[in-house]
Amino acid sequence: MRTVTVLLALAAASVVTAAENPPLGAQAQKTVAGFSGVLIVTPDEDWVTKWNTSPESIPYFHSGATLRKGGKLFVLTLYSNPQLDAAGAASVSMDIDVLRPDGSSSSHAAGAVCTQGKVTGPVESMYLCHQVVEFFDEPADPVGKWTVRIVLKDDVRKVSIPLTTEFKLAADGPIV
């Protein structure tokens, strides 16, 4: 498994995910002290194009909780309502952990920058973190349930949101 960091110039937008078996749950979407975070698991390789639309457009991401060997999944981290400092800037960081089915660590990043600087729109809008987990399996990666844990931190407000989502890596063949 490789984790890739993607840095993007991103616009504020609302997000809609597919309703069929979404991987979102109580652990993937939370609000703490007014600061909100959500994880979206999508197989959409064109997620960047979908995200980089005008704020009036609502991007649609297909949900993806199961991946066949050889496929790709992306875990997008969105946040809303970061507290701004005296200069009007936000500072949001994140810890990222990707766990194999046996619970061992596949990837870890502590204190990764989600965003820093001036917010270009209303703080209540949804924004995408600069860090995106891209999962594509390597031949030795085990099939089974993989877990992505992200602790999203509003560094100005001094609050953290623990978020967790899962996906299943399946052997070749049809997904049931």
Protein backbone atom coordinates (compact mmCIF):
# COMPACT_ATOMS: atom_id res chain seq x y z
CA MET A 1 0.00 0.00 0.00
CA ARG A 2 1.26 3.45 -0.85
CA THR A 3 -0.04 6.65 0.66
CA VAL A 4 0.29 9.67 -1.58
CA THR A 5 0.05 13.26 -0.43
CA VAL A 6 -1.66 15.59 -2.86
CA LEU A 7 -1.33 19.36 -2.54
CA LEU A 8 -4.03 21.30 -4.32
CA ALA A 9 -5.44 24.79 -4.64
CA LEU A 10 -8.98 24.08 -3.54
CA ALA A 11 -12.28 25.91 -3.65
CA ALA A 12 -14.99 25.82 -1.00
CA ALA A 13 -17.99 23.67 -1.89
CA SER A 14 -20.67 21.40 -0.55
CA VAL A 15 -20.29 17.68 -1.10
CA VAL A 16 -22.72 14.91 -1.93
CA THR A 17 -21.78 11.23 -1.79
CA ALA A 18 -23.60 8.25 -3.19
CA ALA A 19 -26.46 7.01 -1.04
CA GLU A 20 -25.89 3.32 -1.75
CA ASN A 21 -23.97 1.75 1.14
CA PRO A 22 -21.96 4.85 2.03
CA PRO A 23 -18.94 4.21 4.24
CA LEU A 24 -19.80 7.30 6.26
CA GLY A 25 -21.00 6.71 9.77
CA ALA A 26 -20.79 8.11 13.24
CA GLN A 27 -17.00 7.62 13.21
CA ALA A 28 -16.40 9.29 9.82
CA GLN A 29 -18.37 12.47 10.46
CA LYS A 30 -18.19 14.54 13.64
CA THR A 31 -18.42 18.04 15.09
CA VAL A 32 -16.50 19.17 18.17
CA ALA A 33 -16.94 22.69 19.61
CA GLY A 34 -18.28 23.96 16.28
CA PHE A 35 -15.44 22.50 14.19
CA SER A 36 -16.59 19.76 11.79
CA GLY A 37 -14.84 17.01 9.87
CA VAL A 38 -15.89 14.24 7.51
CA LEU A 39 -14.12 11.45 5.62
CA ILE A 40 -15.25 10.39 2.16
CA VAL A 41 -14.01 7.15 0.58
CA THR A 42 -14.33 7.27 -3.20
CA PRO A 43 -13.04 5.25 -6.17
CA ASP A 44 -13.42 8.36 -8.38
CA GLU A 45 -10.05 8.98 -10.00
CA ASP A 46 -11.46 12.29 -11.27
CA TRP A 47 -12.23 13.56 -7.76
CA VAL A 48 -9.92 16.57 -8.26
CA THR A 49 -11.90 17.71 -11.31
CA LYS A 50 -15.17 17.17 -9.46
CA TRP A 51 -13.94 19.16 -6.47
CA ASN A 52 -12.45 22.08 -8.44
CA THR A 53 -15.75 23.55 -9.53
CA SER A 54 -17.42 26.81 -8.59
CA PRO A 55 -18.77 27.03 -5.03
CA GLU A 56 -22.28 27.02 -6.48
CA SER A 57 -21.72 23.55 -7.98
CA ILE A 58 -22.14 20.55 -5.72
CA PRO A 59 -19.58 17.83 -6.48
CA TYR A 60 -20.85 14.24 -6.43
CA PHE A 61 -18.46 11.51 -5.32
CA HIS A 62 -19.28 7.84 -5.68
CA SER A 63 -18.82 5.99 -2.42
CA GLY A 64 -16.57 2.99 -2.34
CA ALA A 65 -16.28 0.67 0.62
CA THR A 66 -14.91 -2.31 -1.33
CA LEU A 67 -11.91 -2.39 -3.63
CA ARG A 68 -10.72 -5.22 -5.87
CA LYS A 69 -7.02 -6.04 -6.01
CA GLY A 70 -5.45 -3.66 -8.52
CA GLY A 71 -7.99 -0.87 -7.96
CA LYS A 72 -7.65 2.53 -6.30
CA LEU A 73 -9.48 4.35 -3.53
CA PHE A 74 -9.12 7.88 -2.24
CA VAL A 75 -9.92 9.05 1.29
CA LEU A 76 -10.85 12.74 1.23
CA THR A 77 -10.87 14.72 4.48
CA LEU A 78 -13.20 17.71 4.60
CA TYR A 79 -13.57 20.29 7.34
CA SER A 80 -15.81 23.21 8.17
CA ASN A 81 -15.80 26.16 10.56
CA PRO A 82 -12.16 26.39 11.62
CA GLN A 83 -11.49 29.14 14.12
CA LEU A 84 -9.47 31.99 12.66
CA ASP A 85 -6.54 33.62 14.44
CA ALA A 86 -6.19 37.40 15.00
CA ALA A 87 -4.88 37.79 11.42
CA GLY A 88 -7.90 35.95 9.98
CA ALA A 89 -5.99 32.76 9.14
CA ALA A 90 -6.92 29.14 9.80
CA SER A 91 -4.49 26.47 10.95
CA VAL A 92 -5.71 22.89 10.65
CA SER A 93 -3.41 19.88 10.93
CA MET A 94 -3.99 16.14 10.89
CA ASP A 95 -2.53 12.83 11.96
CA ILE A 96 -3.06 10.03 9.42
CA ASP A 97 -2.92 6.30 10.13
CA VAL A 98 -3.66 3.52 7.65
CA LEU A 99 -4.02 0.10 9.29
CA ARG A 100 -3.88 -3.33 7.64
CA PRO A 101 -6.54 -5.96 8.38
CA ASP A 102 -4.35 -7.41 11.18
CA GLY A 103 -4.17 -3.95 12.86
CA SER A 104 -0.54 -3.29 11.97
CA SER A 105 0.46 0.09 10.56
CA SER A 106 0.76 0.47 6.81
CA SER A 107 1.31 4.22 6.86
CA HIS A 108 1.58 6.98 9.45
CA ALA A 109 1.92 10.76 9.24
CA ALA A 110 1.82 13.03 12.29
CA GLY A 111 1.11 16.76 12.18
CA ALA A 112 0.48 16.90 8.43
CA VAL A 113 -0.80 20.26 7.20
CA CYS A 114 -4.47 20.21 6.26
CA THR A 115 -4.57 23.96 5.68
CA GLN A 116 -2.83 27.10 6.83
CA GLY A 117 -3.60 30.68 5.91
CA LYS A 118 -6.49 32.91 4.96
CA VAL A 119 -9.84 31.26 4.26
CA THR A 120 -11.13 32.39 0.86
CA GLY A 121 -14.84 31.95 1.60
CA PRO A 122 -17.22 31.60 4.51
CA VAL A 123 -15.69 29.48 7.27
CA GLU A 124 -18.95 27.50 7.43
CA SER A 125 -18.36 26.10 3.92
CA MET A 126 -16.80 22.67 3.44
CA TYR A 127 -13.10 22.72 2.56
CA LEU A 128 -10.85 19.87 1.44
CA CYS A 129 -7.62 19.17 3.31
CA HIS A 130 -4.42 19.32 1.28
CA GLN A 131 -3.60 15.75 2.37
CA VAL A 132 -5.43 12.99 0.53
CA VAL A 133 -4.91 9.28 1.17
CA GLU A 134 -4.58 7.41 -2.13
CA PHE A 135 -4.74 3.64 -1.71
CA PHE A 136 -3.58 1.27 -4.38
CA ASP A 137 -2.54 -2.15 -3.26
CA GLU A 138 0.82 -3.76 -3.67
CA PRO A 139 1.01 -7.51 -4.42
CA ALA A 140 1.80 -8.42 -0.81
CA ASP A 141 -1.09 -6.40 0.68
CA PRO A 142 -3.58 -8.65 2.47
CA VAL A 143 -7.24 -8.80 1.55
CA GLY A 144 -9.66 -7.84 4.30
CA LYS A 145 -10.84 -4.75 6.16
CA TRP A 146 -8.43 -1.79 6.11
CA THR A 147 -8.90 1.12 8.51
CA VAL A 148 -8.06 4.78 8.00
CA ARG A 149 -7.85 6.89 11.16
CA ILE A 150 -7.47 10.64 10.91
CA VAL A 151 -7.28 13.05 13.79
CA LEU A 152 -8.28 16.45 12.42
CA LYS A 153 -6.98 19.32 14.58
CA ASP A 154 -8.11 22.95 14.65
CA ASP A 155 -4.83 24.37 15.94
CA VAL A 156 -6.32 27.81 16.72
CA ARG A 157 -9.38 26.48 18.60
CA LYS A 158 -7.27 23.72 20.20
CA VAL A 159 -9.73 20.92 19.48
CA SER A 160 -9.29 17.56 17.77
CA ILE A 161 -11.75 15.36 15.91
CA PRO A 162 -10.94 11.64 15.70
CA LEU A 163 -12.37 10.27 12.45
CA THR A 164 -12.34 6.65 11.24
CA THR A 165 -13.45 4.94 8.07
CA GLU A 166 -12.92 1.48 6.64
CA PHE A 167 -12.80 -0.23 3.29
CA LYS A 168 -12.46 -3.83 2.22
CA LEU A 169 -9.72 -5.01 -0.09
CA ALA A 170 -11.17 -8.00 -1.95
CA ALA A 171 -9.46 -10.65 -4.03
CA ASP A 172 -9.88 -10.55 -7.80
CA GLY A 173 -13.35 -11.34 -9.03
CA PRO A 174 -16.81 -9.87 -8.62
CA ILE A 175 -17.61 -7.80 -5.57
CA VAL A 176 -20.54 -9.17 -3.59
